[in-house]
């Protein structure tokens, strides 16, 4: 898989899936959200079958890695 980034997919009801996706897989997922229905999402760890009608949000990690505790650490 190409360079992957951390993505969280949140669902109605509060469940969240955290995974790593390539830029292309993230673009494909965003494009499919409007269509709804089931979608097989390829990830680094395998395929996740998502029901897109229940997706509430997608959060993409900004890429800033932090080490330590507290603000600015």
PDB file of N, CA and C in Angstrom:
ATOM      1  N   UNK A   1       0.848  -1.168   0.000  1.00  0.00           N
ATOM      2  CA  UNK A   1       0.000   0.000   0.000  1.00  0.00           C
ATOM      3  C   UNK A   1       0.895   1.233   0.000  1.00  0.00           C
ATOM      4  N   UNK A   2       0.514   2.271  -0.708  1.00  0.00           N
ATOM      5  CA  UNK A   2       1.273   3.513  -0.772  1.00  0.00           C
ATOM      6  C   UNK A   2       1.272   4.198   0.590  1.00  0.00           C
ATOM      7  N   UNK A   3       1.927   5.348   0.663  1.00  0.00           N
ATOM      8  CA  UNK A   3       1.958   6.123   1.898  1.00  0.00           C
ATOM      9  C   UNK A   3       0.556   6.212   2.499  1.00  0.00           C
ATOM     10  N   UNK A   4       0.422   5.795   3.753  1.00  0.00           N
ATOM     11  CA  UNK A   4      -0.891   5.758   4.398  1.00  0.00           C
ATOM     12  C   UNK A   4      -0.959   6.782   5.519  1.00  0.00           C
ATOM     13  N   UNK A   5      -2.174   7.237   5.793  1.00  0.00           N
ATOM     14  CA  UNK A   5      -2.386   8.180   6.878  1.00  0.00           C
ATOM     15  C   UNK A   5      -3.462   7.656   7.815  1.00  0.00           C
ATOM     16  N   UNK A   6      -3.392   8.071   9.066  1.00  0.00           N
ATOM     17  CA  UNK A   6      -4.357   7.630  10.078  1.00  0.00           C
ATOM     18  C   UNK A   6      -5.697   8.304   9.817  1.00  0.00           C
ATOM     19  N   UNK A   7      -6.750   7.490   9.779  1.00  0.00           N
ATOM     20  CA  UNK A   7      -8.106   7.978   9.530  1.00  0.00           C
ATOM     21  C   UNK A   7      -9.031   7.346  10.559  1.00  0.00           C
ATOM     22  N   UNK A   8      -9.937   8.155  11.118  1.00  0.00           N
ATOM     23  CA  UNK A   8     -10.980   7.651  12.003  1.00  0.00           C
ATOM     24  C   UNK A   8     -12.313   7.832  11.295  1.00  0.00           C
ATOM     25  N   UNK A   9     -13.117   6.774  11.301  1.00  0.00           N
ATOM     26  CA  UNK A   9     -14.442   6.816  10.692  1.00  0.00           C
ATOM     27  C   UNK A   9     -15.439   6.656  11.828  1.00  0.00           C
ATOM     28  N   UNK A  10     -16.276   7.685  12.029  1.00  0.00           N
ATOM     29  CA  UNK A  10     -17.255   7.669  13.110  1.00  0.00           C
ATOM     30  C   UNK A  10     -18.643   7.362  12.578  1.00  0.00           C
ATOM     31  N   UNK A  11     -19.413   6.671  13.390  1.00  0.00           N
ATOM     32  CA  UNK A  11     -20.749   6.236  12.986  1.00  0.00           C
ATOM     33  C   UNK A  11     -21.813   6.803  13.911  1.00  0.00           C
ATOM     34  N   UNK A  12     -23.045   6.859  13.419  1.00  0.00           N
ATOM     35  CA  UNK A  12     -24.176   7.205  14.263  1.00  0.00           C
ATOM     36  C   UNK A  12     -24.155   6.249  15.452  1.00  0.00           C
ATOM     37  N   UNK A  13     -24.371   6.760  16.634  1.00  0.00           N
ATOM     38  CA  UNK A  13     -24.330   5.924  17.823  1.00  0.00           C
ATOM     39  C   UNK A  13     -23.005   6.007  18.551  1.00  0.00           C
ATOM     40  N   UNK A  14     -21.974   6.586  17.928  1.00  0.00           N
ATOM     41  CA  UNK A  14     -20.723   6.840  18.620  1.00  0.00           C
ATOM     42  C   UNK A  14     -19.573   5.887  18.352  1.00  0.00           C
ATOM     43  N   UNK A  15     -19.781   4.800  17.640  1.00  0.00           N
ATOM     44  CA  UNK A  15     -18.674   3.895  17.352  1.00  0.00           C
ATOM     45  C   UNK A  15     -17.689   4.564  16.391  1.00  0.00           C
ATOM     46  N   UNK A  16     -16.400   4.247  16.573  1.00  0.00           N
ATOM     47  CA  UNK A  16     -15.351   4.806  15.722  1.00  0.00           C
ATOM     48  C   UNK A  16     -14.400   3.689  15.319  1.00  0.00           C
ATOM     49  N   UNK A  17     -14.043   3.666  14.035  1.00  0.00           N
ATOM     50  CA  UNK A  17     -13.018   2.751  13.529  1.00  0.00           C
ATOM     51  C   UNK A  17     -11.804   3.595  13.195  1.00  0.00           C
ATOM     52  N   UNK A  18     -10.638   3.189  13.680  1.00  0.00           N
ATOM     53  CA  UNK A  18      -9.392   3.858  13.374  1.00  0.00           C
ATOM     54  C   UNK A  18      -8.570   2.933  12.485  1.00  0.00           C
ATOM     55  N   UNK A  19      -8.081   3.467  11.367  1.00  0.00           N
ATOM     56  CA  UNK A  19      -7.316   2.656  10.423  1.00  0.00           C
ATOM     57  C   UNK A  19      -6.341   3.545   9.670  1.00  0.00           C
ATOM     58  N   UNK A  20      -5.567   2.942   8.792  1.00  0.00           N
ATOM     59  CA  UNK A  20      -4.658   3.695   7.931  1.00  0.00           C
ATOM     60  C   UNK A  20      -5.078   3.475   6.486  1.00  0.00           C
ATOM     61  N   UNK A  21      -5.198   4.590   5.740  1.00  0.00           N
ATOM     62  CA  UNK A  21      -5.637   4.540   4.344  1.00  0.00           C
ATOM     63  C   UNK A  21      -4.664   5.297   3.457  1.00  0.00           C
ATOM     64  N   UNK A  22      -4.531   4.825   2.214  1.00  0.00           N
ATOM     65  CA  UNK A  22      -3.765   5.580   1.222  1.00  0.00           C
ATOM     66  C   UNK A  22      -4.597   6.796   0.805  1.00  0.00           C
ATOM     67  N   UNK A  23      -3.951   7.769   0.206  1.00  0.00           N
ATOM     68  CA  UNK A  23      -4.664   8.952  -0.276  1.00  0.00           C
ATOM     69  C   UNK A  23      -5.774   8.560  -1.252  1.00  0.00           C
ATOM     70  N   UNK A  24      -5.490   7.611  -2.139  1.00  0.00           N
ATOM     71  CA  UNK A  24      -6.476   7.201  -3.137  1.00  0.00           C
ATOM     72  C   UNK A  24      -7.670   6.507  -2.483  1.00  0.00           C
ATOM     73  N   UNK A  25      -7.416   5.640  -1.496  1.00  0.00           N
ATOM     74  CA  UNK A  25      -8.523   4.963  -0.813  1.00  0.00           C
ATOM     75  C   UNK A  25      -9.389   5.961  -0.048  1.00  0.00           C
ATOM     76  N   UNK A  26      -8.769   6.979   0.547  1.00  0.00           N
ATOM     77  CA  UNK A  26      -9.534   8.017   1.240  1.00  0.00           C
ATOM     78  C   UNK A  26     -10.378   8.812   0.249  1.00  0.00           C
ATOM     79  N   UNK A  27      -9.810   9.157  -0.887  1.00  0.00           N
ATOM     80  CA  UNK A  27     -10.551   9.866  -1.925  1.00  0.00           C
ATOM     81  C   UNK A  27     -11.728   9.033  -2.418  1.00  0.00           C
ATOM     82  N   UNK A  28     -11.495   7.742  -2.641  1.00  0.00           N
ATOM     83  CA  UNK A  28     -12.568   6.844  -3.087  1.00  0.00           C
ATOM     84  C   UNK A  28     -13.679   6.759  -2.051  1.00  0.00           C
ATOM     85  N   UNK A  29     -13.313   6.644  -0.763  1.00  0.00           N
ATOM     86  CA  UNK A  29     -14.306   6.571   0.303  1.00  0.00           C
ATOM     87  C   UNK A  29     -15.163   7.834   0.322  1.00  0.00           C
ATOM     88  N   UNK A  30     -14.530   8.983   0.264  1.00  0.00           N
ATOM     89  CA  UNK A  30     -15.278  10.250   0.270  1.00  0.00           C
ATOM     90  C   UNK A  30     -16.230  10.332  -0.919  1.00  0.00           C
ATOM     91  N   UNK A  31     -15.792   9.872  -2.067  1.00  0.00           N
ATOM     92  CA  UNK A  31     -16.651   9.885  -3.254  1.00  0.00           C
ATOM     93  C   UNK A  31     -17.842   8.952  -3.129  1.00  0.00           C
ATOM     94  N   UNK A  32     -17.664   7.848  -2.447  1.00  0.00           N
ATOM     95  CA  UNK A  32     -18.739   6.860  -2.299  1.00  0.00           C
ATOM     96  C   UNK A  32     -19.766   7.226  -1.228  1.00  0.00           C
ATOM     97  N   UNK A  33     -19.401   8.107  -0.288  1.00  0.00           N
ATOM     98  CA  UNK A  33     -20.304   8.456   0.808  1.00  0.00           C
ATOM     99  C   UNK A  33     -21.657   8.968   0.310  1.00  0.00           C
ATOM    100  N   UNK A  34     -21.659   9.761  -0.748  1.00  0.00           N
ATOM    101  CA  UNK A  34     -22.908  10.312  -1.275  1.00  0.00           C
ATOM    102  C   UNK A  34     -23.816   9.229  -1.842  1.00  0.00           C
ATOM    103  N   UNK A  35     -23.245   8.129  -2.292  1.00  0.00           N
ATOM    104  CA  UNK A  35     -24.030   7.052  -2.889  1.00  0.00           C
ATOM    105  C   UNK A  35     -24.678   6.158  -1.839  1.00  0.00           C
ATOM    106  N   UNK A  36     -24.090   6.099  -0.651  1.00  0.00           N
ATOM    107  CA  UNK A  36     -24.625   5.260   0.417  1.00  0.00           C
ATOM    108  C   UNK A  36     -24.431   3.785   0.123  1.00  0.00           C
ATOM    109  N   UNK A  37     -25.156   2.941   0.843  1.00  0.00           N
ATOM    110  CA  UNK A  37     -25.059   1.499   0.665  1.00  0.00           C
ATOM    111  C   UNK A  37     -23.798   0.926   1.293  1.00  0.00           C
ATOM    112  N   UNK A  38     -23.500  -0.302   0.943  1.00  0.00           N
ATOM    113  CA  UNK A  38     -22.316  -1.005   1.458  1.00  0.00           C
ATOM    114  C   UNK A  38     -21.105  -0.707   0.603  1.00  0.00           C
ATOM    115  N   UNK A  39     -19.943  -0.632   1.253  1.00  0.00           N
ATOM    116  CA  UNK A  39     -18.686  -0.350   0.555  1.00  0.00           C
ATOM    117  C   UNK A  39     -17.568  -1.144   1.226  1.00  0.00           C
ATOM    118  N   UNK A  40     -16.797  -1.863   0.431  1.00  0.00           N
ATOM    119  CA  UNK A  40     -15.635  -2.601   0.934  1.00  0.00           C
ATOM    120  C   UNK A  40     -14.422  -1.681   0.877  1.00  0.00           C
ATOM    121  N   UNK A  41     -13.935  -1.300   2.056  1.00  0.00           N
ATOM    122  CA  UNK A  41     -12.830  -0.363   2.174  1.00  0.00           C
ATOM    123  C   UNK A  41     -11.526  -1.120   2.395  1.00  0.00           C
ATOM    124  N   UNK A  42     -10.594  -1.060   1.443  1.00  0.00           N
ATOM    125  CA  UNK A  42      -9.299  -1.723   1.642  1.00  0.00           C
ATOM    126  C   UNK A  42      -8.437  -0.910   2.593  1.00  0.00           C
ATOM    127  N   UNK A  43      -7.850  -1.575   3.595  1.00  0.00           N
ATOM    128  CA  UNK A  43      -6.969  -0.911   4.558  1.00  0.00           C
ATOM    129  C   UNK A  43      -5.671  -1.709   4.668  1.00  0.00           C
ATOM    130  N   UNK A  44      -4.718  -1.202   5.438  1.00  0.00           N
ATOM    131  CA  UNK A  44      -3.465  -1.919   5.655  1.00  0.00           C
ATOM    132  C   UNK A  44      -3.697  -3.253   6.352  1.00  0.00           C
ATOM    133  N   UNK A  45      -4.756  -3.338   7.163  1.00  0.00           N
ATOM    134  CA  UNK A  45      -5.012  -4.537   7.960  1.00  0.00           C
ATOM    135  C   UNK A  45      -6.018  -5.493   7.327  1.00  0.00           C
ATOM    136  N   UNK A  46      -6.547  -5.161   6.183  1.00  0.00           N
ATOM    137  CA  UNK A  46      -7.557  -5.992   5.532  1.00  0.00           C
ATOM    138  C   UNK A  46      -8.703  -5.130   5.040  1.00  0.00           C
ATOM    139  N   UNK A  47      -9.779  -5.758   4.639  1.00  0.00           N
ATOM    140  CA  UNK A  47     -10.931  -5.049   4.093  1.00  0.00           C
ATOM    141  C   UNK A  47     -11.994  -4.863   5.166  1.00  0.00           C
ATOM    142  N   UNK A  48     -12.533  -3.632   5.251  1.00  0.00           N
ATOM    143  CA  UNK A  48     -13.620  -3.321   6.173  1.00  0.00           C
ATOM    144  C   UNK A  48     -14.879  -3.087   5.347  1.00  0.00           C
ATOM    145  N   UNK A  49     -15.949  -3.825   5.647  1.00  0.00           N
ATOM    146  CA  UNK A  49     -17.239  -3.618   4.985  1.00  0.00           C
ATOM    147  C   UNK A  49     -17.999  -2.554   5.771  1.00  0.00           C
ATOM    148  N   UNK A  50     -18.249  -1.407   5.136  1.00  0.00           N
ATOM    149  CA  UNK A  50     -18.907  -0.281   5.789  1.00  0.00           C
ATOM    150  C   UNK A  50     -20.299  -0.066   5.218  1.00  0.00           C
ATOM    151  N   UNK A  51     -21.258   0.224   6.092  1.00  0.00           N
ATOM    152  CA  UNK A  51     -22.562   0.691   5.620  1.00  0.00           C
ATOM    153  C   UNK A  51     -22.507   2.216   5.660  1.00  0.00           C
ATOM    154  N   UNK A  52     -22.366   2.838   4.501  1.00  0.00           N
ATOM    155  CA  UNK A  52     -22.071   4.261   4.402  1.00  0.00           C
ATOM    156  C   UNK A  52     -23.201   5.153   4.894  1.00  0.00           C
ATOM    157  N   UNK A  53     -24.428   4.640   4.935  1.00  0.00           N
ATOM    158  CA  UNK A  53     -25.551   5.434   5.415  1.00  0.00           C
ATOM    159  C   UNK A  53     -25.467   5.754   6.898  1.00  0.00           C
ATOM    160  N   UNK A  54     -24.600   5.085   7.626  1.00  0.00           N
ATOM    161  CA  UNK A  54     -24.449   5.295   9.069  1.00  0.00           C
ATOM    162  C   UNK A  54     -23.181   6.055   9.433  1.00  0.00           C
ATOM    163  N   UNK A  55     -22.364   6.443   8.428  1.00  0.00           N
ATOM    164  CA  UNK A  55     -21.135   7.183   8.710  1.00  0.00           C
ATOM    165  C   UNK A  55     -21.496   8.615   9.093  1.00  0.00           C
ATOM    166  N   UNK A  56     -21.003   9.062  10.245  1.00  0.00           N
ATOM    167  CA  UNK A  56     -21.278  10.410  10.735  1.00  0.00           C
ATOM    168  C   UNK A  56     -20.124  11.370  10.445  1.00  0.00           C
ATOM    169  N   UNK A  57     -18.880  10.858  10.464  1.00  0.00           N
ATOM    170  CA  UNK A  57     -17.741  11.728  10.178  1.00  0.00           C
ATOM    171  C   UNK A  57     -16.532  10.908   9.751  1.00  0.00           C
ATOM    172  N   UNK A  58     -15.586  11.598   9.110  1.00  0.00           N
ATOM    173  CA  UNK A  58     -14.267  11.044   8.794  1.00  0.00           C
ATOM    174  C   UNK A  58     -13.250  12.059   9.293  1.00  0.00           C
ATOM    175  N   UNK A  59     -12.348  11.614  10.152  1.00  0.00           N
ATOM    176  CA  UNK A  59     -11.298  12.486  10.676  1.00  0.00           C
ATOM    177  C   UNK A  59      -9.965  11.986  10.129  1.00  0.00           C
ATOM    178  N   UNK A  60      -9.230  12.901   9.490  1.00  0.00           N
ATOM    179  CA  UNK A  60      -7.925  12.563   8.921  1.00  0.00           C
ATOM    180  C   UNK A  60      -6.848  13.203   9.789  1.00  0.00           C
ATOM    181  N   UNK A  61      -5.881  12.401  10.224  1.00  0.00           N
ATOM    182  CA  UNK A  61      -4.792  12.896  11.064  1.00  0.00           C
ATOM    183  C   UNK A  61      -4.013  13.961  10.312  1.00  0.00           C
ATOM    184  N   UNK A  62      -3.656  15.027  11.020  1.00  0.00           N
ATOM    185  CA  UNK A  62      -2.915  16.126  10.403  1.00  0.00           C
ATOM    186  C   UNK A  62      -1.476  15.760  10.097  1.00  0.00           C
ATOM    187  N   UNK A  63      -1.001  14.639  10.681  1.00  0.00           N
ATOM    188  CA  UNK A  63       0.351  14.203  10.407  1.00  0.00           C
ATOM    189  C   UNK A  63       1.374  14.690  11.404  1.00  0.00           C
ATOM    190  N   UNK A  64       0.970  15.599  12.283  1.00  0.00           N
ATOM    191  CA  UNK A  64       1.912  16.084  13.285  1.00  0.00           C
ATOM    192  C   UNK A  64       2.061  15.063  14.400  1.00  0.00           C
ATOM    193  N   UNK A  65       3.210  14.420  14.482  1.00  0.00           N
ATOM    194  CA  UNK A  65       3.449  13.436  15.513  1.00  0.00           C
ATOM    195  C   UNK A  65       3.904  14.138  16.783  1.00  0.00           C
ATOM    196  N   UNK A  66       3.352  13.713  17.914  1.00  0.00           N
ATOM    197  CA  UNK A  66       3.672  14.350  19.184  1.00  0.00           C
ATOM    198  C   UNK A  66       4.301  13.318  20.114  1.00  0.00           C
ATOM    199  N   UNK A  67       5.263  13.783  20.902  1.00  0.00           N
ATOM    200  CA  UNK A  67       5.890  12.927  21.891  1.00  0.00           C
ATOM    201  C   UNK A  67       5.800  13.666  23.224  1.00  0.00           C
ATOM    202  N   UNK A  68       5.435  12.955  24.263  1.00  0.00           N
ATOM    203  CA  UNK A  68       5.380  13.565  25.582  1.00  0.00           C
ATOM    204  C   UNK A  68       3.961  13.858  26.030  1.00  0.00           C
ATOM    205  N   UNK A  69       3.854  14.666  27.079  1.00  0.00           N
ATOM    206  CA  UNK A  69       2.575  14.974  27.667  1.00  0.00           C
ATOM    207  C   UNK A  69       2.384  16.482  27.750  1.00  0.00           C
ATOM    208  N   UNK A  70       1.144  16.897  27.775  1.00  0.00           N
ATOM    209  CA  UNK A  70       0.816  18.312  27.980  1.00  0.00           C
ATOM    210  C   UNK A  70       0.895  19.107  26.703  1.00  0.00           C
ATOM    211  N   UNK A  71       0.465  20.362  26.771  1.00  0.00           N
ATOM    212  CA  UNK A  71       0.451  21.240  25.607  1.00  0.00           C
ATOM    213  C   UNK A  71       1.865  21.529  25.099  1.00  0.00           C
ATOM    214  N   UNK A  72       1.978  21.499  23.804  1.00  0.00           N
ATOM    215  CA  UNK A  72       3.253  21.827  23.176  1.00  0.00           C
ATOM    216  C   UNK A  72       4.332  20.771  23.322  1.00  0.00           C
ATOM    217  N   UNK A  73       3.996  19.644  23.932  1.00  0.00           N
ATOM    218  CA  UNK A  73       5.009  18.602  24.142  1.00  0.00           C
ATOM    219  C   UNK A  73       5.203  17.774  22.910  1.00  0.00           C
TER     220      UNK A  73
END
